[in-house]
C-alpha atoms as a PDB file:
ATOM      1  CA  MET A   1       0.154  -0.010  -0.178  1.00  0.00           C
ATOM      2  CA  GLU A   2       2.933   2.722   0.553  1.00  0.00           C
ATOM      3  CA  ALA A   3       4.522   1.495  -2.459  1.00  0.00           C
ATOM      4  CA  LEU A   4       1.136   2.043  -4.099  1.00  0.00           C
ATOM      5  CA  ALA A   5       0.733   5.843  -1.982  1.00  0.00           C
ATOM      6  CA  ASN A   6       3.674   6.584  -3.010  1.00  0.00           C
ATOM      7  CA  VAL A   7       3.958   6.431  -7.210  1.00  0.00           C
ATOM      8  CA  ILE A   8       0.520   7.797  -6.990  1.00  0.00           C
ATOM      9  CA  ALA A   9       1.418  10.822  -5.018  1.00  0.00           C
ATOM     10  CA  GLY A  10       4.623  10.983  -7.088  1.00  0.00           C
ATOM     11  CA  TYR A  11       2.141  10.856 -10.399  1.00  0.00           C
ATOM     12  CA  ILE A  12      -0.014  13.832  -9.309  1.00  0.00           C
ATOM     13  CA  VAL A  13       2.849  15.447  -7.739  1.00  0.00           C
ATOM     14  CA  ALA A  14       4.493  15.282 -11.868  1.00  0.00           C
ATOM     15  CA  ILE A  15       1.678  17.189 -13.241  1.00  0.00           C
ATOM     16  CA  ILE A  16       1.336  19.986 -10.821  1.00  0.00           C
ATOM     17  CA  VAL A  17       4.923  20.803 -11.141  1.00  0.00           C
ATOM     18  CA  GLN A  18       4.252  20.162 -14.850  1.00  0.00           C
ATOM     19  CA  ARG A  19       1.648  22.621 -14.653  1.00  0.00           C
ATOM     20  CA  LEU A  20       3.673  25.535 -12.817  1.00  0.00           C
ATOM     21  CA  ALA A  21       6.895  25.206 -14.384  1.00  0.00           C
ATOM     22  CA  TYR A  22       6.240  24.978 -18.102  1.00  0.00           C
ATOM     23  CA  PRO A  23       4.744  28.278 -18.683  1.00  0.00           C
ATOM     24  CA  LEU A  24       7.681  29.433 -16.949  1.00  0.00           C
ATOM     25  CA  PHE A  25      10.238  27.802 -19.758  1.00  0.00           C
ATOM     26  CA  GLY A  26       7.367  28.826 -22.418  1.00  0.00           C
ATOM     27  CA  ILE A  27       6.322  25.695 -22.723  1.00  0.00           C
ATOM     28  CA  GLU A  28       2.369  25.430 -23.638  1.00  0.00           C
ATOM     29  CA  THR A  29       0.655  21.796 -22.663  1.00  0.00           C
ATOM     30  CA  THR A  30      -2.861  20.413 -21.997  1.00  0.00           C
ATOM     31  CA  MET A  31      -3.499  18.272 -18.970  1.00  0.00           C
ATOM     32  CA  ALA A  32      -3.643  15.282 -21.520  1.00  0.00           C
ATOM     33  CA  THR A  33      -0.439  15.955 -22.384  1.00  0.00           C
ATOM     34  CA  ASP A  34       1.410  16.844 -18.660  1.00  0.00           C
ATOM     35  CA  SER A  35      -0.566  13.189 -18.151  1.00  0.00           C
ATOM     36  CA  LEU A  36       1.031  11.019 -20.338  1.00  0.00           C
ATOM     37  CA  ILE A  37       4.797  13.351 -19.847  1.00  0.00           C
ATOM     38  CA  ALA A  38       3.834  12.342 -15.698  1.00  0.00           C
ATOM     39  CA  ALA A  39       3.015   8.813 -16.915  1.00  0.00           C
ATOM     40  CA  ILE A  40       6.235   8.028 -18.357  1.00  0.00           C
ATOM     41  CA  PHE A  41       7.885   9.294 -15.719  1.00  0.00           C
ATOM     42  CA  THR A  42       6.785   7.593 -13.784  1.00  0.00           C
ATOM     43  CA  ALA A  43       6.864   4.264 -15.409  1.00  0.00           C
ATOM     44  CA  ALA A  44      10.627   5.173 -16.118  1.00  0.00           C
ATOM     45  CA  SER A  45      11.317   5.896 -12.003  1.00  0.00           C
ATOM     46  CA  LEU A  46       9.674   2.503 -11.194  1.00  0.00           C
ATOM     47  CA  ALA A  47      11.770   0.895 -13.532  1.00  0.00           C
ATOM     48  CA  ARG A  48      14.954   2.445 -12.591  1.00  0.00           C
ATOM     49  CA  PHE A  49      13.500   1.495  -8.722  1.00  0.00           C
ATOM     50  CA  TYR A  50      13.204  -2.164  -9.733  1.00  0.00           C
ATOM     51  CA  VAL A  51      16.387  -2.263 -10.979  1.00  0.00           C
ATOM     52  CA  LEU A  52      17.877  -1.165  -8.375  1.00  0.00           C
ATOM     53  CA  ARG A  53      16.167  -2.979  -5.739  1.00  0.00           C
ATOM     54  CA  ARG A  54      17.197  -6.331  -7.965  1.00  0.00           C
ATOM     55  CA  PHE A  55      20.961  -5.085  -7.951  1.00  0.00           C
ATOM     56  CA  PHE A  56      21.049  -4.273  -4.558  1.00  0.00           C
ATOM     57  CA  GLN A  57      18.995  -7.688  -3.230  1.00  0.00           C
ATOM     58  CA  HIS A  58      21.516  -9.907  -5.699  1.00  0.00           C
ATOM     59  CA  LEU A  59      25.051  -8.007  -3.660  1.00  0.00           C
ATOM     60  CA  ALA A  60      22.993  -8.867  -0.523  1.00  0.00           C
ATOM     61  CA  ASP A  61      22.015 -12.978  -1.676  1.00  0.00           C
ATOM     62  CA  ALA A  62      25.996 -12.571  -2.633  1.00  0.00           C
ATOM     63  CA  ASP A  63      27.564 -11.145   0.788  1.00  0.00           C
ATOM     64  CA  LYS A  64      25.388 -13.730   2.485  1.00  0.00           C
ATOM     65  CA  GLN A  65      26.685 -16.556   0.583  1.00  0.00           C
ATOM     66  CA  HIS A  66      30.175 -15.050   1.267  1.00  0.00           C
ATOM     67  CA  ASP A  67      29.463 -15.463   4.400  1.00  0.00           C
ATOM     68  CA  LEU A  68      28.280 -18.923   4.787  1.00  0.00           C
ATOM     69  CA  GLN A  69      31.169 -20.392   3.438  1.00  0.00           C
ATOM     70  CA  CYS A  70      33.826 -18.086   5.378  1.00  0.00           C
ATOM     71  CA  SER A  71      31.436 -19.602   8.174  1.00  0.00           C
ATOM     72  CA  GLU A  72      31.699 -23.448   7.182  1.00  0.00           C
ATOM     73  CA  ARG A  73      35.973 -23.257   6.104  1.00  0.00           C
ATOM     74  CA  LEU A  74      36.263 -21.426  10.013  1.00  0.00           C
ATOM     75  CA  ARG A  75      33.868 -24.196  10.675  1.00  0.00           C
ATOM     76  CA  GLN A  76      35.906 -27.201   9.817  1.00  0.00           C
ATOM     77  CA  ARG A  77      39.570 -25.830  10.149  1.00  0.00           C
ATOM     78  CA  LEU A  78      38.042 -25.658  14.095  1.00  0.00           C
ATOM     79  CA  VAL A  79      36.571 -29.699  13.853  1.00  0.00           C
ATOM     80  CA  ARG A  80      40.048 -30.757  12.418  1.00  0.00           C
ATOM     81  CA  ARG A  81      42.240 -29.331  15.051  1.00  0.00           C
ATOM     82  CA  PRO A  82      42.575 -31.714  18.049  1.00  0.00           C
END
């Protein structure tokens, strides 16, 4: 629910900012155009979030695997000692 609320709020804020900022730069758009532009940037943001989440999850999984391997090697060394 939090993620969905964040996406919806971001989309609405993007439209509001566009409606306020574009005229300052002499850019005239319609509400439909602003909605489409906001949707495109929202989709790009979601894709970026997904890719980064998967990347950092991969790093965390690799780190856990490394920790398990180190723990197992240490356990084997301790077991071998007389």
